[in-house]
Protein backbone atom coordinates (compact mmCIF):
# COMPACT_ATOMS: atom_id res chain seq x y z
CA MET A 1 -14.59 20.20 7.96
CA LYS A 2 -14.46 16.43 7.93
CA GLN A 3 -12.34 14.56 5.47
CA ARG A 4 -12.55 10.92 4.47
CA LEU A 5 -10.27 8.70 2.42
CA GLY A 6 -11.56 5.29 1.37
CA TRP A 7 -9.90 1.90 1.02
CA MET A 8 -6.23 2.60 0.39
CA GLY A 9 -4.92 -0.84 -0.50
CA LEU A 10 -1.63 -2.08 0.87
CA PHE A 11 -0.12 1.01 2.50
CA TRP A 12 3.18 0.69 4.32
CA LEU A 13 3.53 4.44 4.90
CA TRP A 14 1.07 6.98 6.23
CA LEU A 15 1.45 10.16 4.19
CA VAL A 16 -0.06 13.65 4.38
CA PRO A 17 0.58 16.80 2.36
CA CYS A 18 3.70 18.74 3.30
CA TRP A 19 2.57 22.23 4.21
CA ALA A 20 6.06 23.70 3.89
CA VAL A 21 5.80 23.41 0.10
CA PRO A 22 4.04 26.43 -1.49
CA PRO A 23 0.76 25.53 -3.19
CA GLN A 24 0.64 25.23 -6.97
CA VAL A 25 -2.51 26.91 -8.23
CA ALA A 26 -4.33 26.36 -11.52
CA PHE A 27 -7.38 28.40 -12.50
CA SER A 28 -10.24 27.28 -14.76
CA ARG A 29 -12.61 30.03 -15.86
CA ILE A 30 -16.27 29.22 -16.49
CA GLY A 31 -18.05 31.91 -18.49
CA PRO A 32 -20.92 32.59 -20.91
CA GLU A 33 -19.40 30.18 -23.43
CA HIS A 34 -20.16 27.41 -20.91
CA GLY A 35 -23.72 28.60 -20.28
CA LEU A 36 -23.13 31.02 -17.39
CA PRO A 37 -25.88 33.67 -17.80
CA HIS A 38 -23.81 36.60 -16.48
CA THR A 39 -20.15 37.24 -15.74
CA ASN A 40 -20.81 39.26 -12.58
CA ILE A 41 -20.98 36.82 -9.65
CA ASN A 42 -21.57 38.20 -6.16
CA ASP A 43 -21.91 35.13 -3.95
CA ILE A 44 -21.54 31.33 -3.95
CA ILE A 45 -23.20 28.73 -1.71
CA GLN A 46 -23.79 24.96 -1.82
CA ASP A 47 -26.97 23.09 -0.93
CA ASP A 48 -27.25 19.75 0.86
CA PHE A 49 -27.30 17.86 -2.45
CA GLY A 50 -24.00 19.30 -3.64
CA PHE A 51 -25.32 21.82 -6.17
CA LEU A 52 -23.61 25.21 -6.34
CA TRP A 53 -25.85 28.29 -6.24
CA LEU A 54 -24.59 31.61 -7.57
CA GLY A 55 -25.85 35.10 -6.88
CA THR A 56 -25.45 36.91 -10.21
CA SER A 57 -26.63 40.05 -11.98
CA ALA A 58 -28.95 37.79 -14.02
CA GLY A 59 -30.61 36.18 -10.99
CA LEU A 60 -30.12 33.11 -8.81
CA VAL A 61 -28.25 30.41 -10.74
CA ARG A 62 -27.87 26.68 -9.97
CA TYR A 63 -24.81 24.84 -11.29
CA ASP A 64 -24.49 21.04 -11.26
CA GLY A 65 -21.01 20.92 -12.76
CA TYR A 66 -22.38 20.69 -16.29
CA ASP A 67 -25.38 22.98 -16.79
CA PHE A 68 -26.72 26.25 -15.41
CA ILE A 69 -30.35 26.93 -14.48
CA THR A 70 -31.39 30.54 -13.80
CA TYR A 71 -34.16 31.46 -11.37
CA ARG A 72 -35.57 34.97 -11.26
CA ARG A 73 -38.75 36.71 -10.32
CA GLU A 74 -40.52 39.06 -12.67
CA LEU A 75 -41.01 42.18 -10.61
CA GLY A 76 -43.79 43.76 -12.66
CA HIS A 77 -42.33 47.27 -12.93
CA GLU A 78 -39.74 49.12 -14.94
CA ALA A 79 -36.89 47.42 -13.05
CA SER A 80 -38.09 43.93 -14.00
CA GLY A 81 -35.26 43.63 -16.47
CA THR A 82 -32.85 43.13 -13.56
CA PHE A 83 -32.97 40.72 -10.66
CA GLU A 84 -29.43 40.96 -9.27
CA VAL A 85 -28.82 38.61 -6.35
CA VAL A 86 -26.16 40.25 -4.20
CA GLN A 87 -26.03 37.83 -1.28
CA ILE A 88 -27.30 34.33 -0.39
CA GLU A 89 -27.79 33.00 3.15
CA LYS A 90 -28.74 29.38 3.79
CA GLY A 91 -31.99 28.79 5.68
CA ASP A 92 -34.17 25.80 6.53
CA SER A 93 -35.05 24.34 3.11
CA CYS A 94 -34.65 27.78 1.62
CA PHE A 95 -32.25 30.55 0.70
CA TRP A 96 -32.49 34.13 1.94
CA LEU A 97 -31.60 36.54 -0.85
CA HIS A 98 -30.54 40.16 -0.92
CA VAL A 99 -31.71 41.44 -4.30
CA ARG A 100 -30.27 44.79 -5.30
CA ASN A 101 -32.81 47.63 -5.05
CA GLU A 102 -35.59 45.11 -4.34
CA GLY A 103 -34.92 44.06 -0.76
CA LEU A 104 -35.20 40.68 0.96
CA PHE A 105 -36.52 37.51 -0.69
CA ARG A 106 -37.04 33.92 0.41
CA PHE A 107 -36.39 31.23 -2.21
CA SER A 108 -38.00 27.86 -1.45
CA LEU A 109 -35.89 24.85 -2.39
CA TYR A 110 -39.05 22.71 -2.38
CA ASP A 111 -41.13 24.45 -5.04
CA GLU A 112 -38.48 26.88 -6.37
CA THR A 113 -40.59 29.98 -5.74
CA PHE A 114 -39.69 33.47 -4.54
CA THR A 115 -41.42 35.30 -1.69
CA HIS A 116 -40.70 38.96 -1.00
CA ILE A 117 -40.23 39.75 2.70
CA ASP A 118 -41.44 43.23 3.61
CA LEU A 119 -39.14 44.86 6.15
CA PRO A 120 -40.71 47.01 8.89
CA ASP A 121 -41.80 50.55 8.03
CA GLY A 122 -38.89 52.90 7.58
CA LEU A 123 -36.48 50.11 6.71
CA GLY A 124 -37.93 48.58 3.57
CA GLY A 125 -39.01 49.71 0.14
CA HIS A 126 -36.93 51.07 -2.68
CA GLN A 127 -35.56 54.23 -1.04
CA ALA A 128 -31.82 54.67 -1.41
CA TRP A 129 -31.45 55.33 2.30
CA SER A 130 -32.91 51.94 3.20
CA VAL A 131 -30.80 49.74 0.92
CA ILE A 132 -29.73 46.37 2.38
CA GLU A 133 -25.99 46.16 3.00
CA ASP A 134 -25.54 42.72 4.59
CA LEU A 135 -27.35 39.49 5.50
CA HIS A 136 -26.32 37.01 8.16
CA ARG A 137 -28.13 33.93 9.49
CA ASP A 138 -26.73 33.20 12.93
CA MET A 139 -26.26 29.87 14.70
CA LYS A 140 -29.63 30.31 16.43
CA GLY A 141 -31.49 30.56 13.13
CA ARG A 142 -32.14 34.30 13.29
CA LEU A 143 -31.70 36.34 10.12
CA TRP A 144 -29.89 39.65 10.56
CA VAL A 145 -30.32 42.39 7.97
CA GLY A 146 -27.94 45.34 7.97
CA THR A 147 -29.38 48.33 6.10
CA ARG A 148 -28.49 51.97 5.52
CA ASN A 149 -31.25 52.90 7.93
CA GLY A 150 -30.58 50.52 10.82
CA LEU A 151 -30.49 46.87 11.88
CA VAL A 152 -33.25 44.28 11.50
CA CYS A 153 -33.54 40.88 13.18
CA TYR A 154 -36.04 38.42 11.70
CA TRP A 155 -37.29 35.21 13.35
CA PRO A 156 -38.52 33.13 10.35
CA LYS A 157 -40.62 30.62 12.31
CA GLN A 158 -42.49 33.33 14.22
CA ARG A 159 -42.34 35.78 11.30
CA ARG A 160 -41.36 38.42 13.81
CA PHE A 161 -39.14 41.48 13.34
CA GLN A 162 -37.16 43.64 15.70
CA THR A 163 -35.34 46.80 14.63
CA TRP A 164 -32.64 49.06 16.01
CA GLY A 165 -31.40 52.41 14.71
CA GLU A 166 -29.45 55.51 15.57
CA GLU A 167 -32.57 57.42 16.54
CA ASP A 168 -33.31 55.14 19.51
CA GLY A 169 -29.87 55.81 20.98
CA ILE A 170 -28.67 52.19 20.87
CA LEU A 171 -26.48 52.18 17.76
CA PRO A 172 -23.83 54.85 17.06
CA GLY A 173 -25.05 55.13 13.46
CA SER A 174 -27.71 53.91 11.04
CA PHE A 175 -25.51 52.56 8.22
CA VAL A 176 -24.96 48.91 9.25
CA GLY A 177 -22.40 47.75 6.71
CA ALA A 178 -21.62 44.28 8.07
CA VAL A 179 -23.17 41.80 10.52
CA LEU A 180 -20.63 39.33 11.92
CA GLU A 181 -20.75 36.40 14.37
CA ASP A 182 -17.84 35.06 16.38
CA ASP A 183 -17.33 31.48 17.59
CA GLN A 184 -19.06 32.38 20.87
CA GLN A 185 -22.27 33.18 18.91
CA GLN A 186 -21.91 36.88 19.70
CA ILE A 187 -23.06 39.43 17.12
CA TRP A 188 -20.70 42.18 15.94
CA LEU A 189 -21.59 45.16 13.75
CA SER A 190 -19.47 47.37 11.53
CA ILE A 191 -21.31 50.69 11.38
CA HIS A 192 -20.29 53.26 8.78
CA HIS A 193 -20.67 57.01 9.17
CA ILE A 194 -21.76 58.67 5.93
CA TYR A 195 -22.61 62.13 7.17
CA ILE A 196 -20.59 65.22 6.29
CA GLY A 197 -18.20 66.01 9.11
CA LYS A 198 -18.65 62.56 10.66
CA GLU A 199 -16.49 60.08 8.80
CA GLY A 200 -15.10 56.67 9.68
CA SER A 201 -16.56 53.44 11.02
CA VAL A 202 -17.25 51.81 14.37
CA LEU A 203 -16.87 48.08 15.06
CA GLY A 204 -18.60 46.77 18.14
CA ARG A 205 -20.36 43.88 19.85
CA PHE A 206 -24.14 43.99 19.93
CA ASP A 207 -26.32 42.31 22.56
CA PRO A 208 -29.92 42.21 21.26
CA GLU A 209 -31.30 40.93 24.56
CA GLN A 210 -29.89 43.91 26.46
CA ASP A 211 -30.17 46.42 23.59
CA CYS A 212 -26.52 47.20 24.17
CA PHE A 213 -23.76 48.15 21.70
CA GLU A 214 -20.17 48.02 22.99
CA PRO A 215 -17.52 49.64 20.75
CA SER A 216 -14.42 47.57 20.08
CA ASP A 217 -12.23 50.44 21.31
CA GLU A 218 -13.63 49.74 24.79
CA LEU A 219 -13.81 45.94 24.52
CA LEU A 220 -10.24 45.63 23.21
CA ALA A 221 -8.71 48.51 25.16
CA SER A 222 -6.51 46.17 27.23
CA TYR A 223 -5.21 44.30 24.15
CA HIS A 224 -1.70 44.82 22.83
CA GLY A 225 -2.11 46.73 19.57
CA THR A 226 -5.07 48.46 17.94
CA LEU A 227 -7.18 47.80 14.86
CA GLN A 228 -5.88 49.64 11.81
CA SER A 229 -9.46 50.00 10.57
CA GLN A 230 -12.96 49.38 11.91
CA LEU A 231 -14.47 49.31 8.43
CA VAL A 232 -14.89 45.52 8.33
CA TYR A 233 -16.33 43.64 5.34
CA SER A 234 -16.13 40.07 6.63
CA ALA A 235 -14.72 38.00 9.50
CA LEU A 236 -13.39 34.49 9.96
CA SER A 237 -12.73 32.40 13.09
CA SER A 238 -9.25 30.90 12.82
CA ARG A 239 -9.01 27.11 12.56
CA GLN A 240 -5.34 27.08 13.48
CA GLN A 241 -5.60 29.52 16.40
CA PRO A 242 -8.79 28.82 18.37
CA GLY A 243 -10.03 31.99 20.02
CA SER A 244 -8.66 34.17 17.21
CA TRP A 245 -10.57 36.18 14.63
CA TRP A 246 -9.45 37.33 11.19
CA LEU A 247 -11.01 40.58 9.95
CA ALA A 248 -11.13 41.74 6.33
CA THR A 249 -10.95 45.54 6.28
CA ASP A 250 -10.40 48.42 3.88
CA TYR A 251 -6.74 48.53 5.01
CA GLY A 252 -5.88 44.84 4.69
CA ILE A 253 -6.38 42.12 7.32
CA SER A 254 -6.27 42.07 11.12
CA LEU A 255 -5.93 39.19 13.58
CA VAL A 256 -7.63 39.57 16.97
CA ASP A 257 -6.23 36.95 19.36
CA HIS A 258 -8.48 36.79 22.43
CA ARG A 259 -6.28 34.25 24.22
CA GLN A 260 -3.09 36.29 23.85
CA ARG A 261 -5.08 39.54 24.09
CA SER A 262 -3.31 40.97 21.08
CA ILE A 263 -4.14 42.60 17.74
CA SER A 264 -1.94 42.25 14.65
CA ASN A 265 -2.43 44.13 11.36
CA TYR A 266 -1.14 43.06 7.95
CA THR A 267 -1.21 45.09 4.74
CA PHE A 268 -0.15 44.40 1.18
CA ALA A 269 0.61 46.60 -1.79
CA PRO A 270 -0.69 46.57 -5.37
CA TYR A 271 1.52 44.55 -7.67
CA SER A 272 3.96 46.77 -9.57
CA GLY A 273 6.72 44.54 -10.88
CA ASP A 274 9.22 42.54 -8.88
CA MET A 275 8.92 44.63 -5.71
CA PRO A 276 5.48 45.98 -4.81
CA ASP A 277 5.46 49.46 -3.31
CA LEU A 278 3.96 49.65 0.15
CA ILE A 279 0.77 51.67 0.27
CA GLU A 280 -1.41 52.79 3.12
CA ARG A 281 -4.63 51.28 1.89
CA ALA A 282 -5.45 47.90 0.31
CA GLY A 283 -8.99 46.65 0.83
CA VAL A 284 -10.06 43.02 1.36
CA ASN A 285 -13.52 41.62 0.62
CA CYS A 286 -13.32 38.01 1.82
CA LEU A 287 -11.11 35.44 3.54
CA TYR A 288 -10.69 31.67 3.72
CA GLU A 289 -8.28 29.72 5.93
CA ASP A 290 -7.39 26.24 4.67
CA SER A 291 -6.42 23.22 6.77
CA THR A 292 -2.74 24.13 6.50
CA GLY A 293 -3.27 27.54 8.08
CA LEU A 294 -2.71 29.35 4.77
CA LEU A 295 -5.01 32.36 4.44
CA TRP A 296 -6.63 32.98 1.05
CA VAL A 297 -7.42 36.65 0.57
CA GLY A 298 -9.92 38.08 -1.93
CA SER A 299 -9.00 41.72 -2.43
CA LYS A 300 -10.93 44.68 -3.78
CA GLU A 301 -8.40 45.62 -6.45
CA GLU A 302 -5.58 43.04 -6.61
CA GLY A 303 -7.37 39.75 -7.26
CA LEU A 304 -6.49 36.70 -5.17
CA LEU A 305 -3.59 36.54 -2.73
CA THR A 306 -2.38 34.14 -0.07
CA PHE A 307 -0.92 35.09 3.30
CA GLU A 308 1.37 32.88 5.38
CA LYS A 309 1.27 34.17 8.94
CA GLN A 310 4.40 32.50 10.28
CA ASN A 311 6.62 34.34 7.81
CA GLU A 312 4.21 37.24 7.27
CA SER A 313 4.58 36.66 3.53
CA TRP A 314 2.15 37.51 0.74
CA THR A 315 1.86 35.71 -2.59
CA TYR A 316 0.14 37.41 -5.50
CA LEU A 317 -1.92 35.12 -7.74
CA GLY A 318 -3.60 35.83 -11.02
CA GLN A 319 -2.54 39.07 -12.68
CA ALA A 320 0.72 39.36 -10.78
CA SER A 321 1.80 35.80 -11.54
CA GLU A 322 0.47 35.93 -15.13
CA LEU A 323 -1.99 33.14 -14.37
CA PRO A 324 -5.33 33.26 -16.19
CA MET A 325 -7.05 34.35 -12.99
CA LEU A 326 -10.28 36.30 -12.87
CA GLY A 327 -10.47 40.08 -12.48
CA SER A 328 -9.10 42.23 -9.75
CA LYS A 329 -12.18 42.33 -7.48
CA VAL A 330 -12.85 39.02 -5.71
CA GLN A 331 -16.33 38.97 -4.16
CA ASP A 332 -16.33 35.56 -2.46
CA ILE A 333 -14.08 32.56 -1.75
CA PHE A 334 -15.96 29.29 -1.26
CA LEU A 335 -14.73 25.76 -0.56
CA ASP A 336 -17.33 23.15 -1.44
CA LYS A 337 -17.94 19.88 0.40
CA TYR A 338 -15.71 18.06 -2.10
CA GLY A 339 -12.70 20.24 -1.33
CA VAL A 340 -12.83 22.34 -4.50
CA MET A 341 -12.30 26.10 -4.18
CA TRP A 342 -14.55 28.46 -6.16
CA LEU A 343 -14.15 32.20 -6.62
CA ALA A 344 -16.79 34.80 -7.41
CA ALA A 345 -15.62 38.02 -9.01
CA PHE A 346 -16.91 41.21 -10.54
CA GLU A 347 -17.52 40.86 -14.30
CA SER A 348 -15.18 37.86 -14.59
CA GLY A 349 -17.32 34.74 -14.38
CA LEU A 350 -16.98 31.72 -12.12
CA GLN A 351 -13.48 30.53 -11.27
CA LYS A 352 -12.54 26.99 -10.24
CA VAL A 353 -9.26 26.77 -8.34
CA GLU A 354 -7.26 23.55 -8.29
CA ILE A 355 -4.63 23.52 -5.56
CA GLY A 356 -1.65 21.21 -5.32
CA TYR A 357 0.69 21.39 -2.34
CA GLY A 358 3.28 19.21 -4.07
CA GLY A 359 5.22 16.86 -1.85
CA PHE A 360 4.54 14.68 1.18
CA GLN A 361 5.91 14.17 4.63
CA ARG A 362 5.56 11.35 7.13
CA LEU A 363 3.03 11.96 9.90
CA ALA A 364 4.43 11.39 13.38
CA THR A 365 2.36 8.26 13.96
CA PRO A 366 3.21 5.29 16.19
CA LEU A 367 5.87 3.07 14.66
CA ALA A 368 3.38 0.20 14.63
CA ILE A 369 1.18 1.92 12.04
CA ASP A 370 4.06 2.22 9.62
CA ARG A 371 4.24 -1.57 9.49
CA LEU A 372 0.53 -2.26 9.18
CA LEU A 373 -1.90 -2.27 6.30
CA VAL A 374 -4.03 0.89 6.51
CA THR A 375 -7.58 0.39 5.23
CA GLN A 376 -9.44 3.58 6.24
CA VAL A 377 -8.51 7.16 7.15
CA TYR A 378 -10.95 9.72 8.55
CA GLU A 379 -10.58 13.24 10.01
CA ASP A 380 -13.30 14.14 12.54
CA ARG A 381 -14.74 17.59 13.21
CA GLN A 382 -12.34 18.06 16.14
CA GLY A 383 -9.31 17.63 13.87
CA ASN A 384 -8.34 14.16 15.13
CA TRP A 385 -7.45 11.41 12.66
CA TRP A 386 -8.94 7.90 12.81
CA ILE A 387 -6.83 5.21 11.14
CA GLY A 388 -8.38 1.82 10.43
CA THR A 389 -6.05 -1.12 9.87
CA PHE A 390 -6.27 -4.59 8.41
CA ALA A 391 -5.36 -6.56 11.53
CA ASP A 392 -4.61 -4.15 14.39
CA GLY A 393 -7.92 -2.44 15.00
CA LEU A 394 -8.42 1.31 15.07
CA TYR A 395 -6.01 4.12 15.95
CA GLU A 396 -7.13 7.57 17.05
CA GLN A 397 -4.35 10.06 16.26
CA TYR A 398 -4.93 13.25 18.27
CA LYS A 399 -4.17 16.59 16.67
CA ASP A 400 -1.69 17.30 19.51
CA GLY A 401 0.34 14.20 18.57
CA GLY A 402 -0.89 11.54 21.02
CA TYR A 403 -2.79 8.42 20.02
CA THR A 404 -5.00 5.58 21.26
CA ASN A 405 -5.21 2.06 19.85
CA LEU A 406 -8.56 0.24 20.05
CA ARG A 407 -8.30 -3.52 19.47
CA ASN A 408 -10.68 -6.42 19.52
CA ARG A 409 -10.59 -8.82 22.46
CA PRO A 410 -12.45 -12.04 21.58
CA GLY A 411 -15.57 -12.47 23.69
CA ASP A 412 -15.43 -8.90 25.07
CA TRP A 413 -18.30 -6.88 23.64
CA SER A 414 -16.93 -3.66 25.14
CA THR A 415 -14.14 -3.72 22.54
CA ILE A 416 -14.13 -2.89 18.85
CA GLY A 417 -15.29 -5.48 16.31
CA ALA A 418 -12.83 -7.96 14.82
CA GLY A 419 -11.49 -7.95 11.29
CA PRO A 420 -10.33 -5.23 8.90
CA ILE A 421 -11.87 -1.78 9.42
CA ARG A 422 -13.96 -1.03 6.32
CA GLY A 423 -15.79 2.20 7.23
CA ILE A 424 -15.46 5.17 9.62
CA ASP A 425 -17.81 8.16 10.02
CA GLN A 426 -19.09 10.61 12.66
CA ASP A 427 -22.68 11.51 13.50
CA GLN A 428 -24.01 14.91 14.52
CA ALA A 429 -23.59 14.11 18.24
CA GLY A 430 -19.87 13.48 17.69
CA ARG A 431 -20.08 9.68 18.07
CA MET A 432 -17.89 7.58 15.81
CA TRP A 433 -19.32 4.69 13.79
CA ILE A 434 -16.95 1.93 12.67
CA ALA A 435 -17.70 -1.00 10.36
CA SER A 436 -15.62 -4.18 10.61
CA TRP A 437 -15.44 -6.68 7.80
CA LYS A 438 -16.48 -9.54 10.12
CA GLY A 439 -19.98 -8.14 10.55
CA ILE A 440 -19.59 -5.81 13.54
CA ILE A 441 -20.75 -2.19 13.73
CA SER A 442 -19.18 -0.28 16.63
CA GLN A 443 -20.54 2.97 18.06
CA LEU A 444 -17.94 4.91 20.06
CA ASP A 445 -18.40 8.07 22.12
CA PRO A 446 -14.93 9.73 22.18
CA GLN A 447 -15.90 11.94 25.13
CA THR A 448 -16.83 9.11 27.52
CA GLY A 449 -14.97 6.23 25.89
CA THR A 450 -18.22 4.23 25.82
CA LEU A 451 -18.32 1.65 23.03
CA ARG A 452 -21.39 -0.21 21.80
CA ARG A 453 -21.36 -3.06 19.29
CA LEU A 454 -24.08 -4.11 16.87
CA ARG A 455 -23.62 -7.50 15.26
CA GLY A 456 -24.73 -8.59 11.82
CA GLY A 457 -27.67 -10.97 12.12
CA HIS A 458 -28.87 -9.08 15.21
CA TRP A 459 -30.48 -5.63 15.63
CA ASP A 460 -32.30 -6.52 12.39
CA LEU A 461 -29.02 -6.16 10.49
CA GLN A 462 -28.96 -8.52 7.51
CA GLY A 463 -25.40 -8.17 6.27
CA TRP A 464 -22.38 -9.99 7.61
CA ALA A 465 -19.27 -8.98 5.66
CA PHE A 466 -19.46 -5.19 5.87
CA THR A 467 -17.65 -3.21 3.16
CA ALA A 468 -18.66 0.43 3.69
CA LEU A 469 -20.29 2.80 6.18
CA VAL A 470 -21.46 6.41 5.97
CA VAL A 471 -23.63 8.67 8.17
CA ASP A 472 -25.93 10.95 6.16
CA ARG A 473 -27.13 14.44 7.10
CA TYR A 474 -30.21 12.94 8.83
CA ASP A 475 -27.94 10.83 11.10
CA ARG A 476 -28.94 7.60 9.37
CA VAL A 477 -26.09 5.08 9.35
CA TRP A 478 -25.81 3.42 5.92
CA ILE A 479 -24.00 0.08 5.69
CA GLY A 480 -22.93 -1.91 2.65
CA SER A 481 -22.01 -5.58 2.72
CA GLU A 482 -20.64 -8.25 0.41
CA ASP A 483 -23.82 -10.30 0.55
CA ALA A 484 -25.76 -8.01 -1.83
CA CYS A 485 -27.30 -5.93 0.90
CA LEU A 486 -27.56 -2.18 1.55
CA GLU A 487 -29.22 -1.14 4.80
CA TYR A 488 -29.46 1.79 7.16
CA LEU A 489 -30.08 2.28 10.89
CA GLU A 490 -32.55 4.92 12.02
CA PRO A 491 -31.13 7.45 14.50
CA GLY A 492 -32.13 6.78 18.10
CA SER A 493 -34.07 3.54 17.67
CA LEU A 494 -31.39 1.90 15.46
CA GLN A 495 -34.16 0.12 13.58
CA ALA A 496 -32.72 -1.38 10.40
CA HIS A 497 -34.11 -0.98 6.88
CA LYS A 498 -32.84 -3.32 4.16
CA PHE A 499 -32.44 -3.06 0.41
CA LEU A 500 -31.63 -6.47 -1.06
CA PHE A 501 -30.28 -7.03 -4.55
CA ASP A 502 -32.67 -9.00 -6.73
CA PRO A 503 -31.33 -9.78 -10.23
CA GLN A 504 -34.91 -10.39 -11.42
CA ASP A 505 -36.08 -6.92 -10.29
CA SER A 506 -35.14 -4.25 -12.85
């Protein structure tokens, strides 16, 4: 997740939150009295325009921070009174919806219409044995559908299906409860056994190209430790420990560390006064790891908790701490693009979580930065910090503690532009774009160190005193200037388009 802070005035100190201080949490409940059509929320997602979309028992709901709009499809039969959206997956200009007892739907964000997607014979329809259990859109754009009768893969552009089940000898069972994807783009399945005399679950890696399912017991046999449960509801790649995987299970949480080749299991107990009693089983629905490494845990029965791995300590929020938190069953934890946490829960409405870490500490930056005026701060997708200054160019502060200082050398166009840094952003290719107040746009490739400068008055750029820069989701570079000009550069060609202020044009 990238993070940007704008013009910060005259800063003599560079400050960041102090992670050693426990977070202070405040909950704000949004319910029917605010226009929410139903208190049962199953899933939360955000579109490219910043709107929140909720999967509720009343249908698909859009929330703009003020009002709710409900979208539903009349089904034309006795069940038309319900259109419960259980799960939402983001597609290309659409959402993929799991609607309870009705199957798979595509919702177009262009014309706001629903299209029912018929699953292959034997896997679709309204039969109880073919109910959808999980949806997952992978990094390649494929939509995976876990059902009680097998696994379906759907290629939306080709409108092509492929299915796998227990009867073809590939999967160890038909009940595909969860479809997961690790940071290597590998698909994992949690398959549940529901037959009499055959209980339990199997977690394994699935290779659709080879039609091969490898149980985790075999894949992780050489690891130190074993999984306490293979009934997995969700998974999360760790931001703080690359190569590690958090699993939410019916017994708590597990950490699979592929680099250390180890497995660690952590359980918590239901709150029962000052000292919770340890129990064998405490299920977890969902997980979120924040930038501090703190793990937010949505449980099946105990509401919201946090887990601090270093001390192996749990903190009970909501009911246990007498905060006005939502009910005991947390369905989803979602952090929007503005850094606000939202919780979905069973029969408890939408919950907005405001988090304060309380306190600051000095970042271990070069001494020179402490004595300079900081104008811009930006965190890139790799976790490095870019610090723009008033008179000493640009600093790249690496997440491992090192740094690089890029300064202007007059007459040398291979160096960064002169003047205060007024804008920093990153495009989809990972290149950094920097705006200098003296009319210079710099394009920097951190991998190669190659720097390219575009000067105001050239490259069709109109502005001279640049004040702001941002890269949008289409990779267009938008630039604001003091001379009443807003313009953007097209990706690739860098052709400029101008919007001039005309006081006579309303």
